[in-house]
Each structure stands twice: as structure tokens, then as C-alpha cells.
């Protein structure tokens, strides 16, 4: 293996491991699920639309007939759905090796989750915060277990607007997305600190896909779509390449707690996965703790660490 050209071929054998992946019916989540299933993991596609989940399962089985794939209904815009899914997953899988918090929405018009949260912050951060907290007991005893959360280069423009988290005073779809992606990293680093303090075998790491050709840009304003589609088509890499940072963060034995992985090319937009750095703001321990406390209050979920 060449350390700077890590590929899906470098994913170690995943036999006897259980991997739960949110939003795994499309994009980088699907590509990561397909590789993990092919490498022997029991992959759980945690998806909002079960029909699309079953279609994704069928596509994986078509190329990896011996794969073990399950579909779990999960709507990250609903705390009730998250609680129900977590209950079912805990009962079905006493041990979980991998939780990949991959699902996300980007640049949506102002919308709210079923619990009244601004959609991007509610889905990308709060939904995954609630899910992770309710599944963590099944990861904590498992040697080598990991929580991998997908962020974005968009985090670089992010700030957490604690005075208006639900966008009741004003809304900018780009700022809201950046806020949610900064939150993903603040969450990862605070979880990593708590896991280390407990001496747990579980680690928390993050990844970003760079510029990848997925459905995420579908919510751009219509006047931006033609130019964006043209430029994006020229510079974006495939979803399979975009999934490599996720896969490395999830499986490379050399990965350590609180690390962050992304592409190695110009501006981290494309290329093979390597360890990358996030902003100074994402490493602010006071900001991490404040977001954690607010997230517990908003979701009603407390952690066993």
C-alpha cells in the first residue's frame, strides 16, 4: 500500500463486523456501503425511504452476491423515528463496530424538521447527535469500534449562531449548511475527548468527500444550477472516489481518535484520502462543550460518556 494513494483495495477484511450507515441508498454513503459489504461486513443501510434502501441493497447484492445487507428505516428529521430506529438496532445488533453518520442535506430552502429545528442543522447535526447517543452503548464494549461523521469543506465558513439556531430571525441556506458542517466537527472532537477520558476502545473520527458528484447540490437555487452543473461536472470526482475518505476513516488500522480525513488533491477537492486539518474554530473546546450541552437540551439525549 502506498500511504498517499490509499484505495478501496486497502480496506481490510470486515468479516464479523456490523456497520450502520445513514443515508446509504445514494452517493458516497452507498459507495462506502458497497465496499464494506464486499469486504464482509454486515452492512445496515439506515435510510428514510425503505424502498430506495431495498433498491440499494439489491444493487449491492448484484455485484457482491455473498454480502449481508439489511435495511433500517430512519428519518433523521424526527426524534421519534431516531428513537425507534435506535431501539430496533440495539435489539438486533448487540455489538456495533461502525456507525457512519453520512446522511445530509445541503442548501435547502428554509424548512423545519418534525421537531421544529432548522432542517440542515436538525438533520446534519442534531439527528446524528441523537442517533449516536442512543447507539453508543452497543459500540463502547467493542474493540476497534468507530463513529465516523461526515463533514465538508463548507465547515470553513461556519459559525454556530447560538442566538438563532433555528433560523427564526433570518435564514441563509449557505450559512446554515456551513454551520451544520462545523457542528459535525465540533461534535466529533468533543465525542473523541469524552471517549478518551473514559478509556473506551471506541474512537470518533471525521471525514469529508471533497467535491464529489452526488445529489447533494439538487437544492441549489435554480438560477445557480446551469453554471454550477457545468463547473461541477468538470471538477467533481466520482462518488466512489468521494467515499474513500469515509472508508479510510472507518477501516484503516492506523487511524487515531479525533483525526479528520479528506482528499489529497488541490484544496482537498479531489484525490486519494489522507489526514487533513480542520479550522481553528472547530478545535475550540469551549465551543465544543457549549454545542454539546445545547444539543443534549434540544434532543433530550444524554451520552454514556
Protein backbone atom coordinates (compact mmCIF):
# COMPACT_ATOMS: atom_id res chain seq x y z
CA UNK A 1 0.00 0.00 0.00
CA UNK A 2 1.20 3.49 -0.85
CA UNK A 3 0.18 5.67 2.07
CA UNK A 4 -0.66 8.64 -0.18
CA UNK A 5 -2.66 6.62 -2.69
CA UNK A 6 -5.00 4.68 -0.42
CA UNK A 7 -7.81 2.96 -2.33
CA UNK A 8 -10.77 0.67 -1.65
CA UNK A 9 -8.39 -2.25 -2.17
CA UNK A 10 -6.71 -1.23 1.09
CA UNK A 11 -9.87 -1.76 3.15
CA UNK A 12 -9.05 -4.67 5.49
CA UNK A 13 -11.29 -7.72 5.80
CA UNK A 14 -14.51 -6.68 7.55
CA UNK A 15 -15.90 -10.14 8.36
CA UNK A 16 -17.93 -10.33 11.57
CA UNK A 17 -18.21 -6.54 11.77
CA UNK A 18 -21.50 -4.64 11.82
CA UNK A 19 -21.56 -1.28 10.05
CA UNK A 20 -24.55 1.08 10.32
CA UNK A 21 -24.51 3.81 7.64
CA UNK A 22 -27.04 6.62 7.47
CA UNK A 23 -28.18 7.82 4.06
CA UNK A 24 -26.63 4.75 2.44
CA UNK A 25 -29.00 4.42 -0.51
CA UNK A 26 -27.20 7.00 -2.66
CA UNK A 27 -23.96 8.93 -3.17
CA UNK A 28 -20.90 8.38 -1.02
CA UNK A 29 -22.94 6.52 1.60
CA UNK A 30 -23.95 3.93 -0.97
CA UNK A 31 -20.40 3.59 -2.31
CA UNK A 32 -19.00 3.11 1.20
CA UNK A 33 -21.71 0.56 2.00
CA UNK A 34 -20.96 -1.40 -1.19
CA UNK A 35 -17.25 -1.65 -0.38
CA UNK A 36 -17.80 -2.61 3.26
CA UNK A 37 -20.35 -5.26 2.27
CA UNK A 38 -17.99 -6.66 -0.36
CA UNK A 39 -15.27 -6.86 2.31
CA UNK A 40 -17.51 -8.99 4.53
CA UNK A 41 -19.22 -6.56 6.91
CA UNK A 42 -22.89 -6.91 7.80
CA UNK A 43 -23.96 -3.52 6.45
CA UNK A 44 -27.11 -1.80 7.68
CA UNK A 45 -28.50 0.81 5.30
CA UNK A 46 -30.21 3.28 7.63
CA UNK A 47 -32.45 5.25 5.28
CA UNK A 48 -35.58 7.39 5.29
CA UNK A 49 -37.10 5.70 2.23
CA UNK A 50 -37.18 1.91 2.70
CA UNK A 51 -38.00 1.29 -0.98
CA UNK A 52 -34.87 3.16 -2.04
CA UNK A 53 -32.96 1.28 0.65
CA UNK A 54 -34.12 -2.03 -0.75
CA UNK A 55 -33.11 -0.92 -4.25
CA UNK A 56 -29.64 -0.07 -2.93
CA UNK A 57 -29.45 -3.44 -1.20
CA UNK A 58 -30.33 -5.18 -4.47
CA UNK A 59 -27.61 -3.26 -6.32
CA UNK A 60 -25.02 -4.28 -3.73
CA UNK A 61 -26.09 -7.93 -3.85
CA UNK A 62 -25.95 -7.90 -7.65
CA UNK A 63 -22.20 -7.22 -7.52
CA UNK A 64 -21.45 -8.95 -4.19
CA UNK A 65 -23.81 -11.97 -4.03
CA UNK A 66 -22.42 -13.17 -0.70
CA UNK A 67 -22.85 -9.80 1.02
CA UNK A 68 -25.02 -9.41 4.10
CA UNK A 69 -27.09 -6.25 3.90
CA UNK A 70 -30.04 -5.06 6.00
CA UNK A 71 -32.30 -2.03 5.62
CA UNK A 72 -33.35 0.04 8.63
CA UNK A 73 -35.93 2.81 8.40
CA UNK A 74 -34.52 6.02 9.86
CA UNK A 75 -35.77 9.58 9.41
CA UNK A 76 -33.19 11.96 10.85
CA UNK A 77 -35.73 14.80 10.78
CA UNK A 78 -37.76 13.07 13.50
CA UNK A 79 -36.56 12.39 17.05
CA UNK A 80 -39.33 9.78 17.36
CA UNK A 81 -38.08 7.97 14.24
CA UNK A 82 -34.49 8.13 15.51
CA UNK A 83 -35.55 6.69 18.88
CA UNK A 84 -37.49 3.87 17.22
CA UNK A 85 -34.64 3.04 14.84
CA UNK A 86 -32.10 3.09 17.68
CA UNK A 87 -34.27 0.74 19.76
CA UNK A 88 -34.55 -1.68 16.83
CA UNK A 89 -30.84 -1.51 16.01
CA UNK A 90 -29.79 -2.05 19.63
CA UNK A 91 -32.05 -5.10 19.89
CA UNK A 92 -30.93 -6.59 16.57
CA UNK A 93 -27.22 -5.85 16.89
CA UNK A 94 -25.89 -6.22 20.45
CA UNK A 95 -22.49 -5.18 19.09
CA UNK A 96 -21.97 -2.46 16.52
CA UNK A 97 -18.47 -1.95 15.11
CA UNK A 98 -19.04 1.05 12.87
CA UNK A 99 -21.52 3.91 12.90
CA UNK A 100 -21.08 6.15 9.86
CA UNK A 101 -23.03 9.39 10.17
CA UNK A 102 -23.21 10.08 6.46
CA UNK A 103 -26.72 11.33 5.61
CA UNK A 104 -27.13 15.01 4.95
CA UNK A 105 -28.96 17.81 3.19
CA UNK A 106 -27.35 20.86 1.61
CA UNK A 107 -28.52 24.36 0.68
CA UNK A 108 -32.20 23.64 1.28
CA UNK A 109 -34.76 26.45 1.35
CA UNK A 110 -35.93 27.28 4.86
CA UNK A 111 -37.66 24.16 6.17
CA UNK A 112 -38.07 22.61 9.59
CA UNK A 113 -37.73 19.10 10.93
CA UNK A 114 -40.70 17.40 12.56
CA UNK A 115 -39.43 18.71 15.90
CA UNK A 116 -39.15 22.30 14.68
CA UNK A 117 -35.41 22.52 14.08
CA UNK A 118 -33.96 24.29 11.02
CA UNK A 119 -33.64 21.44 8.52
CA UNK A 120 -29.91 21.46 7.77
CA UNK A 121 -28.79 21.83 11.40
CA UNK A 122 -31.52 19.45 12.56
CA UNK A 123 -30.68 16.72 10.06
CA UNK A 124 -26.93 17.00 9.62
CA UNK A 125 -26.05 17.59 13.28
CA UNK A 126 -28.88 17.09 15.76
CA UNK A 127 -30.25 13.95 14.09
CA UNK A 128 -26.84 12.29 14.14
CA UNK A 129 -26.13 13.53 17.67
CA UNK A 130 -29.34 11.85 18.86
CA UNK A 131 -28.71 8.64 16.94
CA UNK A 132 -25.10 8.27 18.09
CA UNK A 133 -26.02 8.88 21.71
CA UNK A 134 -28.64 6.12 21.61
CA UNK A 135 -26.39 3.58 19.86
CA UNK A 136 -23.17 4.24 21.74
CA UNK A 137 -23.75 1.60 24.42
CA UNK A 138 -23.57 -1.04 21.66
CA UNK A 139 -20.26 0.35 20.38
CA UNK A 140 -18.48 1.00 23.69
CA UNK A 141 -17.58 -2.62 24.54
CA UNK A 142 -16.35 -3.38 21.00
CA UNK A 143 -12.60 -3.28 20.41
CA UNK A 144 -11.83 -1.22 17.31
CA UNK A 145 -15.29 0.35 17.10
CA UNK A 146 -15.62 3.76 15.48
CA UNK A 147 -18.04 6.63 15.00
CA UNK A 148 -17.31 8.33 11.67
CA UNK A 149 -19.09 11.61 10.96
CA UNK A 150 -19.04 13.23 7.53
CA UNK A 151 -18.28 16.94 7.43
CA UNK A 152 -17.40 19.17 4.49
CA UNK A 153 -15.03 21.89 3.34
CA UNK A 154 -18.12 24.03 3.93
CA UNK A 155 -17.26 23.94 7.65
CA UNK A 156 -14.54 26.52 6.97
CA UNK A 157 -17.14 29.27 6.57
CA UNK A 158 -19.17 28.01 9.51
CA UNK A 159 -20.13 29.70 12.73
CA UNK A 160 -22.55 28.45 15.36
CA UNK A 161 -25.28 31.05 15.81
CA UNK A 162 -26.42 30.08 19.29
CA UNK A 163 -28.76 33.07 19.39
CA UNK A 164 -30.74 31.79 16.39
CA UNK A 165 -30.03 28.08 15.82
CA UNK A 166 -33.47 27.54 14.33
CA UNK A 167 -33.27 30.47 11.90
CA UNK A 168 -36.27 32.26 13.34
CA UNK A 169 -34.76 35.72 12.81
CA UNK A 170 -33.28 35.15 9.37
CA UNK A 171 -32.10 32.41 7.06
CA UNK A 172 -29.25 31.98 4.62
CA UNK A 173 -29.09 28.48 3.15
CA UNK A 174 -25.32 28.61 2.63
CA UNK A 175 -24.58 29.83 6.16
CA UNK A 176 -26.94 27.21 7.59
CA UNK A 177 -25.12 24.43 5.74
CA UNK A 178 -21.70 25.66 6.89
CA UNK A 179 -22.99 25.87 10.46
CA UNK A 180 -24.17 22.25 10.32
CA UNK A 181 -20.84 21.03 8.92
CA UNK A 182 -18.86 22.90 11.59
CA UNK A 183 -21.17 21.30 14.13
CA UNK A 184 -20.25 17.85 12.77
CA UNK A 185 -16.60 18.50 13.59
CA UNK A 186 -17.23 20.12 16.97
CA UNK A 187 -19.32 17.04 17.83
CA UNK A 188 -16.63 14.63 16.64
CA UNK A 189 -13.83 16.26 18.64
CA UNK A 190 -15.89 16.55 21.82
CA UNK A 191 -17.04 12.92 21.50
CA UNK A 192 -13.41 11.88 20.92
CA UNK A 193 -12.36 13.69 24.09
CA UNK A 194 -15.10 12.04 26.13
CA UNK A 195 -14.30 8.57 24.77
CA UNK A 196 -10.61 9.03 25.57
CA UNK A 197 -11.41 10.25 29.09
CA UNK A 198 -13.47 7.10 29.67
CA UNK A 199 -10.70 4.89 28.31
CA UNK A 200 -13.14 3.43 25.79
CA UNK A 201 -11.95 1.32 22.85
CA UNK A 202 -14.29 3.32 20.61
CA UNK A 203 -12.86 6.27 18.66
CA UNK A 204 -14.56 9.22 16.95
CA UNK A 205 -13.20 10.44 13.62
CA UNK A 206 -14.41 12.63 10.77
CA UNK A 207 -14.09 12.73 7.01
CA UNK A 208 -15.09 14.87 4.07
CA UNK A 209 -15.51 13.82 0.43
CA UNK A 210 -14.15 16.90 -1.31
CA UNK A 211 -16.01 17.81 -4.46
CA UNK A 212 -17.98 14.70 -5.34
CA UNK A 213 -20.62 14.13 -7.96
CA UNK A 214 -23.65 13.30 -5.81
CA UNK A 215 -27.24 14.50 -5.45
CA UNK A 216 -26.38 16.97 -2.68
CA UNK A 217 -26.38 20.01 -4.96
CA UNK A 218 -30.01 19.46 -6.03
CA UNK A 219 -31.24 22.17 -3.64
CA UNK A 220 -29.21 25.00 -5.10
CA UNK A 221 -31.30 27.99 -6.24
CA UNK A 222 -32.45 27.48 -9.83
CA UNK A 223 -30.53 30.50 -11.18
CA UNK A 224 -27.27 28.93 -9.98
CA UNK A 225 -27.90 25.45 -11.34
CA UNK A 226 -26.74 25.74 -15.00
CA UNK A 227 -23.33 27.25 -14.18
CA UNK A 228 -22.86 25.05 -11.14
CA UNK A 229 -23.74 21.88 -13.04
CA UNK A 230 -21.26 22.77 -15.78
CA UNK A 231 -18.38 23.64 -13.44
CA UNK A 232 -19.15 20.80 -11.06
CA UNK A 233 -19.19 18.32 -13.92
CA UNK A 234 -15.66 19.40 -14.84
CA UNK A 235 -14.09 19.39 -11.37
CA UNK A 236 -16.04 16.92 -9.26
CA UNK A 237 -14.75 13.42 -8.70
CA UNK A 238 -16.91 10.31 -8.67
CA UNK A 239 -18.95 9.31 -5.65
CA UNK A 240 -16.73 6.20 -5.38
CA UNK A 241 -13.65 8.41 -5.01
CA UNK A 242 -15.54 10.71 -2.65
CA UNK A 243 -16.29 7.72 -0.43
CA UNK A 244 -12.62 6.87 0.10
CA UNK A 245 -12.02 9.32 3.00
CA UNK A 246 -15.03 7.79 4.75
CA UNK A 247 -13.72 4.28 4.16
CA UNK A 248 -10.23 5.12 5.34
CA UNK A 249 -11.54 6.83 8.49
CA UNK A 250 -13.73 3.78 9.12
CA UNK A 251 -11.26 0.97 8.47
CA UNK A 252 -7.59 1.96 8.30
CA UNK A 253 -5.87 0.43 11.38
CA UNK A 254 -3.57 3.46 11.56
CA UNK A 255 -6.44 5.92 12.16
CA UNK A 256 -6.46 7.53 15.60
CA UNK A 257 -9.11 9.20 17.74
CA UNK A 258 -10.14 12.74 16.67
CA UNK A 259 -8.49 12.57 13.23
CA UNK A 260 -10.01 14.04 10.06
CA UNK A 261 -9.65 12.64 6.54
CA UNK A 262 -10.18 14.18 3.11
CA UNK A 263 -8.81 14.12 -0.46
CA UNK A 264 -5.12 14.84 -1.07
CA UNK A 265 -5.54 16.99 -4.20
CA UNK A 266 -5.68 20.77 -4.69
CA UNK A 267 -7.81 22.46 -2.00
CA UNK A 268 -8.82 18.95 -0.88
CA UNK A 269 -11.36 18.84 -3.71
CA UNK A 270 -10.38 15.51 -5.21
CA UNK A 271 -7.86 12.72 -4.89
CA UNK A 272 -6.95 9.91 -2.56
CA UNK A 273 -7.67 10.13 1.17
CA UNK A 274 -5.17 11.47 3.65
CA UNK A 275 -5.26 13.01 7.09
CA UNK A 276 -6.28 16.68 6.80
CA UNK A 277 -6.76 19.62 9.15
CA UNK A 278 -9.92 21.49 10.07
CA UNK A 279 -10.27 25.11 11.18
CA UNK A 280 -9.04 26.52 14.46
CA UNK A 281 -12.66 27.23 15.36
CA UNK A 282 -13.56 23.53 15.08
CA UNK A 283 -10.92 22.77 17.74
CA UNK A 284 -12.24 25.33 20.25
CA UNK A 285 -13.01 23.25 23.38
CA UNK A 286 -15.40 25.85 24.81
CA UNK A 287 -17.39 25.87 21.58
CA UNK A 288 -17.41 22.07 21.52
CA UNK A 289 -18.74 21.83 25.07
CA UNK A 290 -21.35 24.55 24.56
CA UNK A 291 -22.69 22.89 21.39
CA UNK A 292 -22.77 19.53 23.17
CA UNK A 293 -24.80 20.93 26.05
CA UNK A 294 -27.25 22.67 23.71
CA UNK A 295 -27.58 19.51 21.61
CA UNK A 296 -28.44 17.46 24.70
CA UNK A 297 -31.06 20.01 25.68
CA UNK A 298 -32.63 20.16 22.20
CA UNK A 299 -32.71 16.39 21.59
CA UNK A 300 -33.24 15.13 25.13
CA UNK A 301 -30.43 12.62 24.51
CA UNK A 302 -27.60 12.23 27.02
CA UNK A 303 -24.50 10.15 26.45
CA UNK A 304 -22.98 7.31 28.48
CA UNK A 305 -19.62 9.10 28.26
